[in-house]
Amino acid sequence: MMYFILQIIIFIVFIILVHYLWNIFKDTFTVKKTKDLNTTIEKYKLLMETNLSISKDKVLELDKVDLEEKEKEIIENDLNQFMSELRMSELRMSELQMGELSIL
């Protein structure tokens, strides 16, 4: 019984010793990474400011653009054609899926 308790104590001491050695080696032989949050925040703010200014410029440019009625009609027809093709492909896919289910 005494031998068992002695073994437990030795293993606990060994684990503690390995733990502290690991920390010493880690602190001694590795380079600490430091982040400068101030420059990161400044870069983020600058990015957001430029992005917002670009967005405002684009909105102003789009407001200035005045499409003629023919161009609007062409765009609307293209959109309607695209939507009808999309609906048709969805119907085909659902028919195929229903056919696969009926086979099973």
C-alpha atoms as a PDB file:
ATOM      1  CA  MET A   1       0.000   0.000   0.000  1.00  0.00           C
ATOM      2  CA  MET A   2       2.820   2.347   0.830  1.00  0.00           C
ATOM      3  CA  TYR A   3       4.492   1.591  -2.488  1.00  0.00           C
ATOM      4  CA  PHE A   4       1.311   2.575  -4.349  1.00  0.00           C
ATOM      5  CA  ILE A   5       1.063   5.959  -2.571  1.00  0.00           C
ATOM      6  CA  LEU A   6       4.750   6.604  -3.225  1.00  0.00           C
ATOM      7  CA  GLN A   7       4.232   5.890  -6.939  1.00  0.00           C
ATOM      8  CA  ILE A   8       1.308   8.340  -7.101  1.00  0.00           C
ATOM      9  CA  ILE A   9       3.388  11.072  -5.443  1.00  0.00           C
ATOM     10  CA  ILE A  10       6.310  10.454  -7.812  1.00  0.00           C
ATOM     11  CA  PHE A  11       4.040  10.656 -10.883  1.00  0.00           C
ATOM     12  CA  ILE A  12       2.410  13.877  -9.663  1.00  0.00           C
ATOM     13  CA  VAL A  13       5.842  15.430  -9.088  1.00  0.00           C
ATOM     14  CA  PHE A  14       6.950  14.223 -12.523  1.00  0.00           C
ATOM     15  CA  ILE A  15       3.883  15.745 -14.226  1.00  0.00           C
ATOM     16  CA  ILE A  16       4.405  19.067 -12.432  1.00  0.00           C
ATOM     17  CA  LEU A  17       8.101  19.063 -13.363  1.00  0.00           C
ATOM     18  CA  VAL A  18       7.350  18.372 -17.048  1.00  0.00           C
ATOM     19  CA  HIS A  19       4.690  21.074 -17.042  1.00  0.00           C
ATOM     20  CA  TYR A  20       7.064  23.735 -15.712  1.00  0.00           C
ATOM     21  CA  LEU A  21       9.859  22.630 -18.046  1.00  0.00           C
ATOM     22  CA  TRP A  22       7.499  22.884 -20.983  1.00  0.00           C
ATOM     23  CA  ASN A  23       6.539  26.450 -19.999  1.00  0.00           C
ATOM     24  CA  ILE A  24      10.191  27.431 -19.542  1.00  0.00           C
ATOM     25  CA  PHE A  25      11.142  26.052 -22.970  1.00  0.00           C
ATOM     26  CA  LYS A  26       8.129  27.641 -24.583  1.00  0.00           C
ATOM     27  CA  ASP A  27       8.876  31.069 -23.097  1.00  0.00           C
ATOM     28  CA  THR A  28      12.596  30.832 -23.814  1.00  0.00           C
ATOM     29  CA  PHE A  29      12.659  29.529 -27.368  1.00  0.00           C
ATOM     30  CA  THR A  30       9.613  31.134 -28.967  1.00  0.00           C
ATOM     31  CA  VAL A  31       9.078  34.655 -30.208  1.00  0.00           C
ATOM     32  CA  LYS A  32       6.181  36.512 -28.671  1.00  0.00           C
ATOM     33  CA  LYS A  33       3.579  37.774 -31.114  1.00  0.00           C
ATOM     34  CA  THR A  34       2.435  41.269 -30.378  1.00  0.00           C
ATOM     35  CA  LYS A  35      -0.364  42.988 -32.231  1.00  0.00           C
ATOM     36  CA  ASP A  36      -0.629  46.698 -32.435  1.00  0.00           C
ATOM     37  CA  LEU A  37      -4.357  47.240 -32.267  1.00  0.00           C
ATOM     38  CA  ASN A  38      -4.098  50.963 -32.853  1.00  0.00           C
ATOM     39  CA  THR A  39      -2.754  50.607 -36.387  1.00  0.00           C
ATOM     40  CA  THR A  40      -5.290  47.910 -37.162  1.00  0.00           C
ATOM     41  CA  ILE A  41      -8.143  50.117 -36.021  1.00  0.00           C
ATOM     42  CA  GLU A  42      -6.771  53.044 -38.022  1.00  0.00           C
ATOM     43  CA  LYS A  43      -6.492  50.905 -41.150  1.00  0.00           C
ATOM     44  CA  TYR A  44     -10.054  49.711 -40.662  1.00  0.00           C
ATOM     45  CA  LYS A  45     -11.348  53.259 -40.264  1.00  0.00           C
ATOM     46  CA  LEU A  46      -9.487  54.393 -43.373  1.00  0.00           C
ATOM     47  CA  LEU A  47     -10.888  51.470 -45.328  1.00  0.00           C
ATOM     48  CA  MET A  48     -14.417  52.230 -44.196  1.00  0.00           C
ATOM     49  CA  GLU A  49     -14.071  55.932 -45.036  1.00  0.00           C
ATOM     50  CA  THR A  50     -12.835  55.213 -48.548  1.00  0.00           C
ATOM     51  CA  ASN A  51     -15.503  52.574 -49.054  1.00  0.00           C
ATOM     52  CA  LEU A  52     -18.253  54.940 -47.941  1.00  0.00           C
ATOM     53  CA  SER A  53     -16.981  57.742 -50.134  1.00  0.00           C
ATOM     54  CA  ILE A  54     -16.871  55.407 -53.146  1.00  0.00           C
ATOM     55  CA  SER A  55     -20.418  54.230 -52.401  1.00  0.00           C
ATOM     56  CA  LYS A  56     -21.710  57.801 -52.207  1.00  0.00           C
ATOM     57  CA  ASP A  57     -20.001  58.658 -55.494  1.00  0.00           C
ATOM     58  CA  LYS A  58     -21.577  55.660 -57.208  1.00  0.00           C
ATOM     59  CA  VAL A  59     -25.026  56.574 -55.936  1.00  0.00           C
ATOM     60  CA  LEU A  60     -24.603  60.097 -57.250  1.00  0.00           C
ATOM     61  CA  GLU A  61     -23.477  58.783 -60.632  1.00  0.00           C
ATOM     62  CA  LEU A  62     -26.439  56.424 -60.832  1.00  0.00           C
ATOM     63  CA  ASP A  63     -28.815  59.263 -60.044  1.00  0.00           C
ATOM     64  CA  LYS A  64     -27.370  61.248 -62.914  1.00  0.00           C
ATOM     65  CA  VAL A  65     -27.870  58.435 -65.428  1.00  0.00           C
ATOM     66  CA  ASP A  66     -31.170  58.791 -67.213  1.00  0.00           C
ATOM     67  CA  LEU A  67     -32.100  55.837 -69.369  1.00  0.00           C
ATOM     68  CA  GLU A  68     -34.232  56.347 -72.393  1.00  0.00           C
ATOM     69  CA  GLU A  69     -37.564  54.586 -72.677  1.00  0.00           C
ATOM     70  CA  LYS A  70     -36.260  52.144 -75.317  1.00  0.00           C
ATOM     71  CA  GLU A  71     -33.353  51.113 -73.086  1.00  0.00           C
ATOM     72  CA  LYS A  72     -35.718  50.598 -70.177  1.00  0.00           C
ATOM     73  CA  GLU A  73     -38.002  48.473 -72.332  1.00  0.00           C
ATOM     74  CA  ILE A  74     -35.080  46.347 -73.575  1.00  0.00           C
ATOM     75  CA  ILE A  75     -33.855  45.776 -70.033  1.00  0.00           C
ATOM     76  CA  GLU A  76     -37.353  44.865 -68.865  1.00  0.00           C
ATOM     77  CA  ASN A  77     -37.811  42.400 -71.740  1.00  0.00           C
ATOM     78  CA  ASP A  78     -34.468  40.778 -70.979  1.00  0.00           C
ATOM     79  CA  LEU A  79     -35.409  40.451 -67.344  1.00  0.00           C
ATOM     80  CA  ASN A  80     -38.795  38.928 -68.172  1.00  0.00           C
ATOM     81  CA  GLN A  81     -37.164  36.472 -70.579  1.00  0.00           C
ATOM     82  CA  PHE A  82     -34.609  35.469 -67.948  1.00  0.00           C
ATOM     83  CA  MET A  83     -37.293  34.952 -65.313  1.00  0.00           C
ATOM     84  CA  SER A  84     -39.412  32.802 -67.661  1.00  0.00           C
ATOM     85  CA  GLU A  85     -36.370  30.659 -68.511  1.00  0.00           C
ATOM     86  CA  LEU A  86     -35.625  30.294 -64.826  1.00  0.00           C
ATOM     87  CA  ARG A  87     -39.196  29.174 -64.111  1.00  0.00           C
ATOM     88  CA  MET A  88     -39.051  26.661 -66.958  1.00  0.00           C
ATOM     89  CA  SER A  89     -35.802  25.167 -65.684  1.00  0.00           C
ATOM     90  CA  GLU A  90     -37.278  24.922 -62.187  1.00  0.00           C
ATOM     91  CA  LEU A  91     -40.318  23.102 -63.602  1.00  0.00           C
ATOM     92  CA  ARG A  92     -38.076  20.684 -65.497  1.00  0.00           C
ATOM     93  CA  MET A  93     -36.038  20.005 -62.366  1.00  0.00           C
ATOM     94  CA  SER A  94     -39.172  19.354 -60.294  1.00  0.00           C
ATOM     95  CA  GLU A  95     -40.528  17.025 -63.025  1.00  0.00           C
ATOM     96  CA  LEU A  96     -37.230  15.129 -63.067  1.00  0.00           C
ATOM     97  CA  GLN A  97     -37.248  14.831 -59.303  1.00  0.00           C
ATOM     98  CA  MET A  98     -40.861  13.617 -59.320  1.00  0.00           C
ATOM     99  CA  GLY A  99     -39.933  11.067 -62.012  1.00  0.00           C
ATOM    100  CA  GLU A 100     -37.034   9.826 -59.910  1.00  0.00           C
ATOM    101  CA  LEU A 101     -39.309   9.481 -56.894  1.00  0.00           C
ATOM    102  CA  SER A 102     -41.922   7.518 -58.839  1.00  0.00           C
ATOM    103  CA  ILE A 103     -39.211   5.096 -60.014  1.00  0.00           C
ATOM    104  CA  LEU A 104     -38.175   4.419 -56.423  1.00  0.00           C
END
